[in-house]
């Protein structure tokens, strides 16, 4: 296994993950991983089945400290959150950093808030919920819904300054090319405007493979053209399996790596105590089999 194999987007049973932190660490060590970050979904102010509970925040911190004490000599371990951004509703990323002494935050949008009605469109979960929410919140107007999604992502980047922008174009996933195609000019324009803001403010864009290995979508977030645009703008890229159970660690990494190689990525960044550092992609390819590198 590659000595620099890593996972910086990792869920445990503190949120919607399926295994304990210890079990994830054991699997990571067995696979020969170098680094692992736990990034549970941050609490949100409504009932749900996927996020960390407010009352479990310090348990989350304490559990991480325990696994770091146990496994830290064999694995570089970091603590983060995947924090949702819903304007006027979610806790500021600064507060999460301060409270839990986090190494970094992944900023993500899973629920799009219509600025006119205040209703929320859940873009994740089952495809039928995507269509139902689009009809209820946006009266079926997919362009307005998607534009609000990207506007919300841009607002998050400007106001919260996440270290990583999570699955930046995930709004396309449950669409499944039914209501629009990601090659349409209006979609590309809004998406690329969002990347311009990433460049302006700073931040890392992840190449997230979860849609592929879960059978929900045929390409990563972002797609190859989006990755190439990141490279043109000089936006740092990292690889993300968005792991929810230990078995997904390596498989998801390999799929993200394949997409990076296809897009022509030369370097991705890894988190270190002194910040994000570039690592040549060939360092992974020599140990992981991809379709593009033999």
C-alpha atoms as a PDB file:
ATOM      1  CA  UNK A   1       0.000   0.000   0.000  1.00  0.00           C
ATOM      2  CA  UNK A   2       1.054   3.594  -0.577  1.00  0.00           C
ATOM      3  CA  UNK A   3       2.786   5.212   2.348  1.00  0.00           C
ATOM      4  CA  UNK A   4       0.793   8.406   1.762  1.00  0.00           C
ATOM      5  CA  UNK A   5      -2.645   6.833   1.312  1.00  0.00           C
ATOM      6  CA  UNK A   6      -5.062   9.002   3.320  1.00  0.00           C
ATOM      7  CA  UNK A   7      -8.666   9.865   4.119  1.00  0.00           C
ATOM      8  CA  UNK A   8      -9.568  13.401   5.176  1.00  0.00           C
ATOM      9  CA  UNK A   9     -13.339  12.995   4.773  1.00  0.00           C
ATOM     10  CA  UNK A  10     -14.291  10.189   7.152  1.00  0.00           C
ATOM     11  CA  UNK A  11     -17.498   9.524   9.082  1.00  0.00           C
ATOM     12  CA  UNK A  12     -17.898   7.359  12.176  1.00  0.00           C
ATOM     13  CA  UNK A  13     -20.847   6.239  14.275  1.00  0.00           C
ATOM     14  CA  UNK A  14     -20.935   9.676  15.898  1.00  0.00           C
ATOM     15  CA  UNK A  15     -22.982  10.671  12.847  1.00  0.00           C
ATOM     16  CA  UNK A  16     -24.183   8.526   9.926  1.00  0.00           C
ATOM     17  CA  UNK A  17     -21.041   6.401   9.728  1.00  0.00           C
ATOM     18  CA  UNK A  18     -21.331   2.680  10.400  1.00  0.00           C
ATOM     19  CA  UNK A  19     -18.266   2.020  12.584  1.00  0.00           C
ATOM     20  CA  UNK A  20     -16.493   3.323  15.654  1.00  0.00           C
ATOM     21  CA  UNK A  21     -13.401   5.492  15.419  1.00  0.00           C
ATOM     22  CA  UNK A  22     -11.346   2.572  16.699  1.00  0.00           C
ATOM     23  CA  UNK A  23     -12.653   0.234  13.994  1.00  0.00           C
ATOM     24  CA  UNK A  24     -11.874   2.799  11.298  1.00  0.00           C
ATOM     25  CA  UNK A  25      -8.349   3.247  12.663  1.00  0.00           C
ATOM     26  CA  UNK A  26      -7.768  -0.519  12.745  1.00  0.00           C
ATOM     27  CA  UNK A  27      -8.810  -0.828   9.105  1.00  0.00           C
ATOM     28  CA  UNK A  28      -6.697   2.168   8.112  1.00  0.00           C
ATOM     29  CA  UNK A  29      -3.613   0.648   9.723  1.00  0.00           C
ATOM     30  CA  UNK A  30      -4.298  -2.727   8.091  1.00  0.00           C
ATOM     31  CA  UNK A  31      -4.439  -0.961   4.703  1.00  0.00           C
ATOM     32  CA  UNK A  32      -1.135   0.796   5.316  1.00  0.00           C
ATOM     33  CA  UNK A  33      -2.589   4.287   5.443  1.00  0.00           C
ATOM     34  CA  UNK A  34      -0.523   7.317   6.381  1.00  0.00           C
ATOM     35  CA  UNK A  35      -3.175   9.768   7.591  1.00  0.00           C
ATOM     36  CA  UNK A  36      -6.803   9.819   8.676  1.00  0.00           C
ATOM     37  CA  UNK A  37      -9.144  12.623   9.716  1.00  0.00           C
ATOM     38  CA  UNK A  38     -12.525  12.157  11.351  1.00  0.00           C
ATOM     39  CA  UNK A  39     -15.073  14.622  10.004  1.00  0.00           C
ATOM     40  CA  UNK A  40     -18.510  13.912  11.438  1.00  0.00           C
ATOM     41  CA  UNK A  41     -21.445  15.964  10.199  1.00  0.00           C
ATOM     42  CA  UNK A  42     -21.690  18.975  12.499  1.00  0.00           C
ATOM     43  CA  UNK A  43     -24.913  19.396  14.479  1.00  0.00           C
ATOM     44  CA  UNK A  44     -27.770  21.208  12.746  1.00  0.00           C
ATOM     45  CA  UNK A  45     -30.747  22.911  14.451  1.00  0.00           C
ATOM     46  CA  UNK A  46     -33.415  20.390  13.465  1.00  0.00           C
ATOM     47  CA  UNK A  47     -34.171  16.712  13.997  1.00  0.00           C
ATOM     48  CA  UNK A  48     -32.338  14.376  11.650  1.00  0.00           C
ATOM     49  CA  UNK A  49     -30.653  10.972  11.494  1.00  0.00           C
ATOM     50  CA  UNK A  50     -27.309  11.913   9.940  1.00  0.00           C
ATOM     51  CA  UNK A  51     -25.530  14.529  12.065  1.00  0.00           C
ATOM     52  CA  UNK A  52     -23.626  14.624  15.315  1.00  0.00           C
ATOM     53  CA  UNK A  53     -25.874  15.657  18.218  1.00  0.00           C
ATOM     54  CA  UNK A  54     -25.132  18.887  20.066  1.00  0.00           C
ATOM     55  CA  UNK A  55     -24.981  17.024  23.382  1.00  0.00           C
ATOM     56  CA  UNK A  56     -22.380  14.593  21.976  1.00  0.00           C
ATOM     57  CA  UNK A  57     -19.851  17.218  20.884  1.00  0.00           C
ATOM     58  CA  UNK A  58     -17.413  16.746  23.753  1.00  0.00           C
ATOM     59  CA  UNK A  59     -17.841  12.956  23.572  1.00  0.00           C
ATOM     60  CA  UNK A  60     -16.686  13.287  19.958  1.00  0.00           C
ATOM     61  CA  UNK A  61     -13.615  15.257  21.004  1.00  0.00           C
ATOM     62  CA  UNK A  62     -12.826  12.845  23.848  1.00  0.00           C
ATOM     63  CA  UNK A  63     -13.230   9.767  21.638  1.00  0.00           C
ATOM     64  CA  UNK A  64     -10.819  11.267  19.127  1.00  0.00           C
ATOM     65  CA  UNK A  65      -8.265  12.002  21.855  1.00  0.00           C
ATOM     66  CA  UNK A  66      -8.543   8.373  22.969  1.00  0.00           C
ATOM     67  CA  UNK A  67      -7.887   6.909  19.494  1.00  0.00           C
ATOM     68  CA  UNK A  68      -5.066   9.379  18.905  1.00  0.00           C
ATOM     69  CA  UNK A  69      -3.446   8.240  22.134  1.00  0.00           C
ATOM     70  CA  UNK A  70      -3.876   4.598  21.101  1.00  0.00           C
ATOM     71  CA  UNK A  71      -3.035   4.754  17.386  1.00  0.00           C
ATOM     72  CA  UNK A  72      -1.136   8.017  16.968  1.00  0.00           C
ATOM     73  CA  UNK A  73       2.240   6.310  16.734  1.00  0.00           C
ATOM     74  CA  UNK A  74       1.075   4.333  13.673  1.00  0.00           C
ATOM     75  CA  UNK A  75      -1.235   6.818  11.960  1.00  0.00           C
ATOM     76  CA  UNK A  76      -1.319  10.597  11.566  1.00  0.00           C
ATOM     77  CA  UNK A  77      -4.709  11.474  13.054  1.00  0.00           C
ATOM     78  CA  UNK A  78      -6.635  14.740  12.725  1.00  0.00           C
ATOM     79  CA  UNK A  79      -9.999  15.995  13.969  1.00  0.00           C
ATOM     80  CA  UNK A  80     -12.441  17.898  11.827  1.00  0.00           C
ATOM     81  CA  UNK A  81     -16.105  18.375  11.054  1.00  0.00           C
ATOM     82  CA  UNK A  82     -18.120  18.373   7.867  1.00  0.00           C
ATOM     83  CA  UNK A  83     -20.158  21.471   8.632  1.00  0.00           C
ATOM     84  CA  UNK A  84     -23.389  22.266   6.837  1.00  0.00           C
ATOM     85  CA  UNK A  85     -24.010  25.863   5.881  1.00  0.00           C
ATOM     86  CA  UNK A  86     -27.612  27.088   5.918  1.00  0.00           C
ATOM     87  CA  UNK A  87     -27.837  30.903   5.952  1.00  0.00           C
ATOM     88  CA  UNK A  88     -29.140  32.258   9.241  1.00  0.00           C
ATOM     89  CA  UNK A  89     -29.524  28.808  10.805  1.00  0.00           C
ATOM     90  CA  UNK A  90     -26.254  26.945  11.281  1.00  0.00           C
ATOM     91  CA  UNK A  91     -23.491  27.612  13.791  1.00  0.00           C
ATOM     92  CA  UNK A  92     -20.516  29.569  12.453  1.00  0.00           C
ATOM     93  CA  UNK A  93     -17.494  27.527  11.481  1.00  0.00           C
ATOM     94  CA  UNK A  94     -15.393  29.767  13.742  1.00  0.00           C
ATOM     95  CA  UNK A  95     -17.382  28.556  16.750  1.00  0.00           C
ATOM     96  CA  UNK A  96     -16.886  24.909  15.796  1.00  0.00           C
ATOM     97  CA  UNK A  97     -13.138  25.462  15.416  1.00  0.00           C
ATOM     98  CA  UNK A  98     -12.908  27.243  18.754  1.00  0.00           C
ATOM     99  CA  UNK A  99     -15.056  24.787  20.712  1.00  0.00           C
ATOM    100  CA  UNK A 100     -13.469  21.538  19.523  1.00  0.00           C
ATOM    101  CA  UNK A 101      -9.972  22.776  18.619  1.00  0.00           C
ATOM    102  CA  UNK A 102     -10.342  21.329  15.140  1.00  0.00           C
ATOM    103  CA  UNK A 103      -7.549  20.771  12.657  1.00  0.00           C
ATOM    104  CA  UNK A 104      -9.811  21.724   9.752  1.00  0.00           C
ATOM    105  CA  UNK A 105     -13.412  21.998   8.544  1.00  0.00           C
ATOM    106  CA  UNK A 106     -15.057  20.678   5.396  1.00  0.00           C
ATOM    107  CA  UNK A 107     -17.802  23.101   4.383  1.00  0.00           C
ATOM    108  CA  UNK A 108     -20.739  21.518   2.555  1.00  0.00           C
ATOM    109  CA  UNK A 109     -24.232  22.349   1.350  1.00  0.00           C
ATOM    110  CA  UNK A 110     -26.777  19.530   1.584  1.00  0.00           C
ATOM    111  CA  UNK A 111     -29.895  21.680   2.035  1.00  0.00           C
ATOM    112  CA  UNK A 112     -30.556  24.633  -0.263  1.00  0.00           C
ATOM    113  CA  UNK A 113     -32.503  27.445   1.395  1.00  0.00           C
ATOM    114  CA  UNK A 114     -34.808  29.382  -0.909  1.00  0.00           C
ATOM    115  CA  UNK A 115     -34.104  33.039  -0.021  1.00  0.00           C
ATOM    116  CA  UNK A 116     -37.679  33.970  -0.978  1.00  0.00           C
ATOM    117  CA  UNK A 117     -39.697  31.413   1.021  1.00  0.00           C
ATOM    118  CA  UNK A 118     -37.150  30.143   3.526  1.00  0.00           C
ATOM    119  CA  UNK A 119     -38.046  26.547   2.602  1.00  0.00           C
ATOM    120  CA  UNK A 120     -35.214  24.039   2.230  1.00  0.00           C
ATOM    121  CA  UNK A 121     -34.508  21.657  -0.646  1.00  0.00           C
ATOM    122  CA  UNK A 122     -32.605  18.533   0.447  1.00  0.00           C
ATOM    123  CA  UNK A 123     -30.366  17.578  -2.475  1.00  0.00           C
ATOM    124  CA  UNK A 124     -28.933  14.395  -0.893  1.00  0.00           C
ATOM    125  CA  UNK A 125     -30.682  11.180   0.166  1.00  0.00           C
ATOM    126  CA  UNK A 126     -33.103   9.391  -2.135  1.00  0.00           C
ATOM    127  CA  UNK A 127     -33.560  10.655  -5.736  1.00  0.00           C
ATOM    128  CA  UNK A 128     -37.332  10.853  -5.294  1.00  0.00           C
ATOM    129  CA  UNK A 129     -36.868  13.314  -2.420  1.00  0.00           C
ATOM    130  CA  UNK A 130     -34.783  15.520  -4.707  1.00  0.00           C
ATOM    131  CA  UNK A 131     -37.620  15.695  -7.232  1.00  0.00           C
ATOM    132  CA  UNK A 132     -40.279  16.181  -4.543  1.00  0.00           C
ATOM    133  CA  UNK A 133     -38.327  18.988  -2.869  1.00  0.00           C
ATOM    134  CA  UNK A 134     -37.639  20.669  -6.204  1.00  0.00           C
ATOM    135  CA  UNK A 135     -41.363  20.739  -6.908  1.00  0.00           C
ATOM    136  CA  UNK A 136     -42.387  21.963  -3.430  1.00  0.00           C
ATOM    137  CA  UNK A 137     -39.665  24.556  -2.887  1.00  0.00           C
ATOM    138  CA  UNK A 138     -38.952  25.740  -6.440  1.00  0.00           C
ATOM    139  CA  UNK A 139     -42.132  24.776  -8.314  1.00  0.00           C
ATOM    140  CA  UNK A 140     -39.956  22.584 -10.524  1.00  0.00           C
ATOM    141  CA  UNK A 141     -37.660  25.429 -11.607  1.00  0.00           C
ATOM    142  CA  UNK A 142     -34.354  23.541 -11.658  1.00  0.00           C
ATOM    143  CA  UNK A 143     -32.275  26.492 -12.825  1.00  0.00           C
ATOM    144  CA  UNK A 144     -33.408  28.657  -9.900  1.00  0.00           C
ATOM    145  CA  UNK A 145     -32.776  25.800  -7.461  1.00  0.00           C
ATOM    146  CA  UNK A 146     -29.283  25.070  -8.774  1.00  0.00           C
ATOM    147  CA  UNK A 147     -28.388  28.757  -8.896  1.00  0.00           C
ATOM    148  CA  UNK A 148     -29.468  29.104  -5.266  1.00  0.00           C
ATOM    149  CA  UNK A 149     -27.285  26.084  -4.452  1.00  0.00           C
ATOM    150  CA  UNK A 150     -24.172  27.644  -5.952  1.00  0.00           C
ATOM    151  CA  UNK A 151     -25.015  31.037  -4.444  1.00  0.00           C
ATOM    152  CA  UNK A 152     -25.231  29.358  -1.028  1.00  0.00           C
ATOM    153  CA  UNK A 153     -21.887  27.631  -1.595  1.00  0.00           C
ATOM    154  CA  UNK A 154     -20.315  30.966  -2.535  1.00  0.00           C
ATOM    155  CA  UNK A 155     -21.818  32.636   0.546  1.00  0.00           C
ATOM    156  CA  UNK A 156     -20.405  29.822   2.689  1.00  0.00           C
ATOM    157  CA  UNK A 157     -16.924  30.217   1.224  1.00  0.00           C
ATOM    158  CA  UNK A 158     -16.906  33.990   1.701  1.00  0.00           C
ATOM    159  CA  UNK A 159     -18.403  34.093   5.195  1.00  0.00           C
ATOM    160  CA  UNK A 160     -17.149  30.851   6.788  1.00  0.00           C
ATOM    161  CA  UNK A 161     -13.874  30.203   4.940  1.00  0.00           C
ATOM    162  CA  UNK A 162     -13.901  26.406   5.125  1.00  0.00           C
ATOM    163  CA  UNK A 163     -10.554  24.679   4.750  1.00  0.00           C
ATOM    164  CA  UNK A 164     -12.045  22.195   2.260  1.00  0.00           C
ATOM    165  CA  UNK A 165     -15.113  22.668   0.068  1.00  0.00           C
ATOM    166  CA  UNK A 166     -17.009  19.390   0.163  1.00  0.00           C
ATOM    167  CA  UNK A 167     -18.422  17.740  -3.010  1.00  0.00           C
ATOM    168  CA  UNK A 168     -18.681  21.183  -4.589  1.00  0.00           C
ATOM    169  CA  UNK A 169     -21.085  20.300  -7.441  1.00  0.00           C
ATOM    170  CA  UNK A 170     -23.085  17.594  -5.664  1.00  0.00           C
ATOM    171  CA  UNK A 171     -26.335  19.258  -6.712  1.00  0.00           C
ATOM    172  CA  UNK A 172     -25.991  17.267  -9.953  1.00  0.00           C
ATOM    173  CA  UNK A 173     -26.056  13.841  -8.224  1.00  0.00           C
ATOM    174  CA  UNK A 174     -29.746  13.121  -7.657  1.00  0.00           C
ATOM    175  CA  UNK A 175     -30.585  15.063 -10.791  1.00  0.00           C
ATOM    176  CA  UNK A 176     -29.089  12.129 -12.724  1.00  0.00           C
ATOM    177  CA  UNK A 177     -29.352  14.160 -15.944  1.00  0.00           C
ATOM    178  CA  UNK A 178     -33.162  14.229 -15.649  1.00  0.00           C
ATOM    179  CA  UNK A 179     -33.706  17.985 -15.314  1.00  0.00           C
ATOM    180  CA  UNK A 180     -30.433  19.352 -16.668  1.00  0.00           C
ATOM    181  CA  UNK A 181     -27.031  18.219 -17.885  1.00  0.00           C
ATOM    182  CA  UNK A 182     -23.846  19.543 -16.228  1.00  0.00           C
ATOM    183  CA  UNK A 183     -22.501  20.567 -19.655  1.00  0.00           C
ATOM    184  CA  UNK A 184     -25.279  23.148 -20.119  1.00  0.00           C
ATOM    185  CA  UNK A 185     -23.924  26.689 -20.333  1.00  0.00           C
ATOM    186  CA  UNK A 186     -25.924  28.104 -17.412  1.00  0.00           C
ATOM    187  CA  UNK A 187     -24.699  25.335 -15.080  1.00  0.00           C
ATOM    188  CA  UNK A 188     -21.068  25.666 -16.145  1.00  0.00           C
ATOM    189  CA  UNK A 189     -21.211  29.460 -15.701  1.00  0.00           C
ATOM    190  CA  UNK A 190     -22.533  29.254 -12.136  1.00  0.00           C
ATOM    191  CA  UNK A 191     -20.160  26.441 -11.193  1.00  0.00           C
ATOM    192  CA  UNK A 192     -17.111  28.243 -12.569  1.00  0.00           C
ATOM    193  CA  UNK A 193     -18.167  31.472 -10.809  1.00  0.00           C
ATOM    194  CA  UNK A 194     -18.118  29.427  -7.605  1.00  0.00           C
ATOM    195  CA  UNK A 195     -14.594  28.215  -8.351  1.00  0.00           C
ATOM    196  CA  UNK A 196     -13.567  31.844  -8.894  1.00  0.00           C
ATOM    197  CA  UNK A 197     -14.668  32.556  -5.311  1.00  0.00           C
ATOM    198  CA  UNK A 198     -12.680  29.566  -4.033  1.00  0.00           C
ATOM    199  CA  UNK A 199      -9.626  31.040  -5.774  1.00  0.00           C
ATOM    200  CA  UNK A 200     -10.355  34.517  -4.394  1.00  0.00           C
ATOM    201  CA  UNK A 201     -10.766  33.444  -0.754  1.00  0.00           C
ATOM    202  CA  UNK A 202      -8.529  30.375  -0.661  1.00  0.00           C
ATOM    203  CA  UNK A 203      -9.400  26.795   0.147  1.00  0.00           C
ATOM    204  CA  UNK A 204      -8.985  23.230  -1.009  1.00  0.00           C
ATOM    205  CA  UNK A 205     -11.414  21.478  -3.356  1.00  0.00           C
ATOM    206  CA  UNK A 206     -11.854  17.754  -2.772  1.00  0.00           C
ATOM    207  CA  UNK A 207     -12.233  15.196  -5.547  1.00  0.00           C
ATOM    208  CA  UNK A 208     -15.042  13.202  -3.928  1.00  0.00           C
ATOM    209  CA  UNK A 209     -15.742   9.683  -5.211  1.00  0.00           C
ATOM    210  CA  UNK A 210     -18.662   8.644  -2.994  1.00  0.00           C
ATOM    211  CA  UNK A 211     -21.282   8.992  -5.723  1.00  0.00           C
ATOM    212  CA  UNK A 212     -19.445   6.471  -7.889  1.00  0.00           C
ATOM    213  CA  UNK A 213     -18.857   3.657  -5.429  1.00  0.00           C
ATOM    214  CA  UNK A 214     -22.344   4.030  -3.934  1.00  0.00           C
ATOM    215  CA  UNK A 215     -23.842   3.714  -7.419  1.00  0.00           C
ATOM    216  CA  UNK A 216     -25.525   7.116  -7.181  1.00  0.00           C
ATOM    217  CA  UNK A 217     -23.634   8.898  -9.948  1.00  0.00           C
ATOM    218  CA  UNK A 218     -21.167   8.074 -12.701  1.00  0.00           C
ATOM    219  CA  UNK A 219     -18.466  10.639 -11.914  1.00  0.00           C
ATOM    220  CA  UNK A 220     -16.746  12.419  -9.045  1.00  0.00           C
ATOM    221  CA  UNK A 221     -17.603  15.767  -7.503  1.00  0.00           C
ATOM    222  CA  UNK A 222     -16.293  17.800  -9.249  1.00  0.00           C
ATOM    223  CA  UNK A 223     -16.193  16.215 -12.674  1.00  0.00           C
ATOM    224  CA  UNK A 224     -13.081  16.157 -14.846  1.00  0.00           C
ATOM    225  CA  UNK A 225     -13.751  19.554 -16.484  1.00  0.00           C
ATOM    226  CA  UNK A 226     -14.276  21.096 -13.051  1.00  0.00           C
ATOM    227  CA  UNK A 227     -10.996  19.621 -11.828  1.00  0.00           C
ATOM    228  CA  UNK A 228      -9.199  21.029 -14.863  1.00  0.00           C
ATOM    229  CA  UNK A 229     -10.699  24.436 -14.151  1.00  0.00           C
ATOM    230  CA  UNK A 230      -9.371  24.201 -10.591  1.00  0.00           C
ATOM    231  CA  UNK A 231      -5.922  23.509 -12.003  1.00  0.00           C
ATOM    232  CA  UNK A 232      -6.171  26.530 -14.343  1.00  0.00           C
ATOM    233  CA  UNK A 233      -7.024  28.713 -11.352  1.00  0.00           C
ATOM    234  CA  UNK A 234      -4.329  27.205  -9.143  1.00  0.00           C
ATOM    235  CA  UNK A 235      -6.851  25.851  -6.611  1.00  0.00           C
ATOM    236  CA  UNK A 236      -5.335  23.054  -4.469  1.00  0.00           C
ATOM    237  CA  UNK A 237      -7.002  19.655  -4.838  1.00  0.00           C
ATOM    238  CA  UNK A 238      -7.191  16.706  -2.477  1.00  0.00           C
ATOM    239  CA  UNK A 239      -8.685  13.201  -2.739  1.00  0.00           C
ATOM    240  CA  UNK A 240     -11.770  12.201  -0.742  1.00  0.00           C
ATOM    241  CA  UNK A 241     -13.474   8.858  -0.321  1.00  0.00           C
ATOM    242  CA  UNK A 242     -16.175  10.407   1.917  1.00  0.00           C
ATOM    243  CA  UNK A 243     -16.020   7.180   3.896  1.00  0.00           C
ATOM    244  CA  UNK A 244     -18.998   6.008   5.967  1.00  0.00           C
ATOM    245  CA  UNK A 245     -17.663   2.531   6.736  1.00  0.00           C
ATOM    246  CA  UNK A 246     -14.131   1.118   6.888  1.00  0.00           C
ATOM    247  CA  UNK A 247     -14.407  -0.951   3.704  1.00  0.00           C
ATOM    248  CA  UNK A 248     -14.827   2.262   1.694  1.00  0.00           C
ATOM    249  CA  UNK A 249     -11.458   3.741   2.686  1.00  0.00           C
ATOM    250  CA  UNK A 250      -9.257   2.318  -0.049  1.00  0.00           C
ATOM    251  CA  UNK A 251     -11.892   1.798  -2.739  1.00  0.00           C
ATOM    252  CA  UNK A 252     -13.039   5.399  -2.583  1.00  0.00           C
ATOM    253  CA  UNK A 253      -9.476   6.691  -2.609  1.00  0.00           C
ATOM    254  CA  UNK A 254      -8.632   4.678  -5.717  1.00  0.00           C
ATOM    255  CA  UNK A 255     -11.666   6.003  -7.592  1.00  0.00           C
ATOM    256  CA  UNK A 256     -10.818   9.609  -6.693  1.00  0.00           C
ATOM    257  CA  UNK A 257      -7.233   8.945  -7.765  1.00  0.00           C
ATOM    258  CA  UNK A 258      -8.384   7.571 -11.129  1.00  0.00           C
ATOM    259  CA  UNK A 259     -10.371  10.743 -11.770  1.00  0.00           C
ATOM    260  CA  UNK A 260      -7.423  12.941 -10.767  1.00  0.00           C
ATOM    261  CA  UNK A 261      -5.130  11.064 -13.163  1.00  0.00           C
ATOM    262  CA  UNK A 262      -7.696  11.307 -15.977  1.00  0.00           C
ATOM    263  CA  UNK A 263      -7.926  15.073 -15.434  1.00  0.00           C
ATOM    264  CA  UNK A 264      -4.144  15.433 -15.592  1.00  0.00           C
ATOM    265  CA  UNK A 265      -3.596  16.371 -11.945  1.00  0.00           C
ATOM    266  CA  UNK A 266       0.113  16.379 -11.066  1.00  0.00           C
ATOM    267  CA  UNK A 267      -0.083  17.184  -7.353  1.00  0.00           C
ATOM    268  CA  UNK A 268      -2.677  16.866  -4.620  1.00  0.00           C
ATOM    269  CA  UNK A 269      -2.389  18.282  -1.123  1.00  0.00           C
ATOM    270  CA  UNK A 270      -2.113  16.439   2.175  1.00  0.00           C
ATOM    271  CA  UNK A 271      -2.739  17.986   5.566  1.00  0.00           C
ATOM    272  CA  UNK A 272       0.234  18.282   7.900  1.00  0.00           C
ATOM    273  CA  UNK A 273       0.626  20.012  11.280  1.00  0.00           C
ATOM    274  CA  UNK A 274       2.146  22.958   9.381  1.00  0.00           C
ATOM    275  CA  UNK A 275      -0.695  23.127   6.859  1.00  0.00           C
ATOM    276  CA  UNK A 276      -1.481  21.713   3.424  1.00  0.00           C
ATOM    277  CA  UNK A 277       1.497  20.331   1.536  1.00  0.00           C
ATOM    278  CA  UNK A 278       1.639  19.191  -2.123  1.00  0.00           C
ATOM    279  CA  UNK A 279       2.377  15.539  -2.918  1.00  0.00           C
ATOM    280  CA  UNK A 280       2.962  14.241  -6.484  1.00  0.00           C
ATOM    281  CA  UNK A 281       0.133  12.047  -7.751  1.00  0.00           C
ATOM    282  CA  UNK A 282       2.679   9.532  -9.066  1.00  0.00           C
ATOM    283  CA  UNK A 283       3.525   8.748  -5.452  1.00  0.00           C
ATOM    284  CA  UNK A 284       0.084   7.156  -5.115  1.00  0.00           C
ATOM    285  CA  UNK A 285      -0.060   5.637  -8.579  1.00  0.00           C
ATOM    286  CA  UNK A 286       3.008   3.506  -7.960  1.00  0.00           C
ATOM    287  CA  UNK A 287       1.079   1.663  -5.257  1.00  0.00           C
ATOM    288  CA  UNK A 288      -2.534   1.900  -6.421  1.00  0.00           C
ATOM    289  CA  UNK A 289      -3.800   0.443  -9.657  1.00  0.00           C
ATOM    290  CA  UNK A 290      -5.714   2.868 -11.868  1.00  0.00           C
ATOM    291  CA  UNK A 291      -7.099   2.611 -15.370  1.00  0.00           C
ATOM    292  CA  UNK A 292      -4.811   5.386 -16.572  1.00  0.00           C
ATOM    293  CA  UNK A 293      -1.559   4.336 -14.884  1.00  0.00           C
ATOM    294  CA  UNK A 294      -0.262   0.830 -15.568  1.00  0.00           C
END
